[in-house]
Amino acid sequence: MNPIVTVQDAVTAFADYMEPTDAELDAIDREMPVILADIDLLDAHIATLDRTPTELDERRLRRARRRALAARVELVNSVDSGVVA
């Protein structure tokens, strides 16, 4: 008979080593405006899934697309120019 053991020790044994590094956290912070803009765009798309988009929905989608694109452009420009906020 094989004893039933948990894998908790195996999973948590390396928990300290699995934390993100400071550089990874900084990269996430730099990309956060893009992530939030993409979330807004996704929310705008989800709102129109079960109905025909109204004029207000179309404006919301256009604004969300522009914000997402602007956030991406700003991120790329800050990385290209070497400016890290």
Protein backbone atom coordinates (compact mmCIF):
# COMPACT_ATOMS: atom_id res chain seq x y z
CA MET A 1 0.00 0.00 0.00
CA ASN A 2 1.33 3.42 -0.95
CA PRO A 3 0.83 6.13 1.64
CA ILE A 4 -0.95 9.27 0.50
CA VAL A 5 1.30 12.26 0.96
CA THR A 6 0.76 15.87 0.11
CA VAL A 7 2.96 17.75 -2.25
CA GLN A 8 2.80 20.87 -0.09
CA ASP A 9 6.44 20.57 0.97
CA ALA A 10 7.56 20.08 -2.62
CA VAL A 11 5.51 23.04 -3.83
CA THR A 12 6.43 25.48 -1.09
CA ALA A 13 10.05 24.40 -0.76
CA PHE A 14 11.07 26.84 -3.49
CA ALA A 15 8.55 29.59 -2.73
CA ASP A 16 11.26 32.06 -1.70
CA TYR A 17 13.06 31.53 -4.98
CA MET A 18 9.93 31.88 -7.08
CA GLU A 19 9.26 35.50 -6.12
CA PRO A 20 9.69 38.05 -8.92
CA THR A 21 12.92 39.97 -8.91
CA ASP A 22 13.08 43.73 -8.49
CA ALA A 23 13.80 44.08 -12.21
CA GLU A 24 10.70 42.04 -13.08
CA LEU A 25 8.55 44.13 -10.75
CA ASP A 26 9.94 47.32 -12.31
CA ALA A 27 9.10 45.99 -15.77
CA ILE A 28 5.54 45.26 -14.65
CA ASP A 29 5.24 48.78 -13.24
CA ARG A 30 6.44 50.26 -16.54
CA GLU A 31 3.91 48.16 -18.47
CA MET A 32 1.00 48.83 -16.10
CA PRO A 33 -0.52 51.69 -18.20
CA VAL A 34 -0.62 49.34 -21.20
CA ILE A 35 -2.16 46.57 -19.11
CA LEU A 36 -4.85 48.88 -17.73
CA ALA A 37 -5.62 50.30 -21.19
CA ASP A 38 -5.98 46.77 -22.55
CA ILE A 39 -8.35 45.92 -19.71
CA ASP A 40 -10.49 48.96 -20.58
CA LEU A 41 -10.53 47.89 -24.23
CA LEU A 42 -11.52 44.36 -23.26
CA ASP A 43 -14.29 45.71 -21.03
CA ALA A 44 -15.61 47.80 -23.92
CA HIS A 45 -15.65 44.73 -26.18
CA ILE A 46 -17.34 42.58 -23.55
CA ALA A 47 -20.08 45.18 -23.06
CA THR A 48 -21.08 44.82 -26.72
CA LEU A 49 -21.00 41.03 -27.00
CA ASP A 50 -24.67 40.36 -26.46
CA ARG A 51 -26.15 43.36 -28.24
CA THR A 52 -25.73 45.56 -31.25
CA PRO A 53 -23.29 48.35 -30.35
CA THR A 54 -24.90 51.74 -29.93
CA GLU A 55 -23.24 54.99 -30.90
CA LEU A 56 -22.11 55.38 -27.31
CA ASP A 57 -20.59 51.87 -27.37
CA GLU A 58 -18.74 52.67 -30.59
CA ARG A 59 -17.32 55.85 -29.05
CA ARG A 60 -16.26 53.91 -25.96
CA LEU A 61 -14.52 51.32 -28.18
CA ARG A 62 -12.74 54.02 -30.20
CA ARG A 63 -11.56 55.80 -27.04
CA ALA A 64 -10.37 52.54 -25.52
CA ARG A 65 -8.47 51.64 -28.71
CA ARG A 66 -6.83 55.08 -28.79
CA ARG A 67 -5.84 54.85 -25.12
CA ALA A 68 -4.39 51.36 -25.63
CA LEU A 69 -2.43 52.48 -28.66
CA ALA A 70 -1.21 55.64 -26.92
CA ALA A 71 -0.08 53.63 -23.90
CA ARG A 72 1.84 51.23 -26.13
CA VAL A 73 3.46 54.09 -28.05
CA GLU A 74 4.47 55.79 -24.82
CA LEU A 75 5.99 52.57 -23.49
CA VAL A 76 7.94 51.93 -26.68
CA ASN A 77 9.17 55.52 -26.84
CA SER A 78 10.30 55.48 -23.22
CA VAL A 79 12.19 52.22 -23.74
CA ASP A 80 13.75 53.45 -27.02
CA SER A 81 14.87 56.76 -25.55
CA GLY A 82 16.30 55.06 -22.49
CA VAL A 83 13.99 56.96 -20.15
CA VAL A 84 12.63 54.58 -17.58
CA ALA A 85 9.93 56.14 -15.46
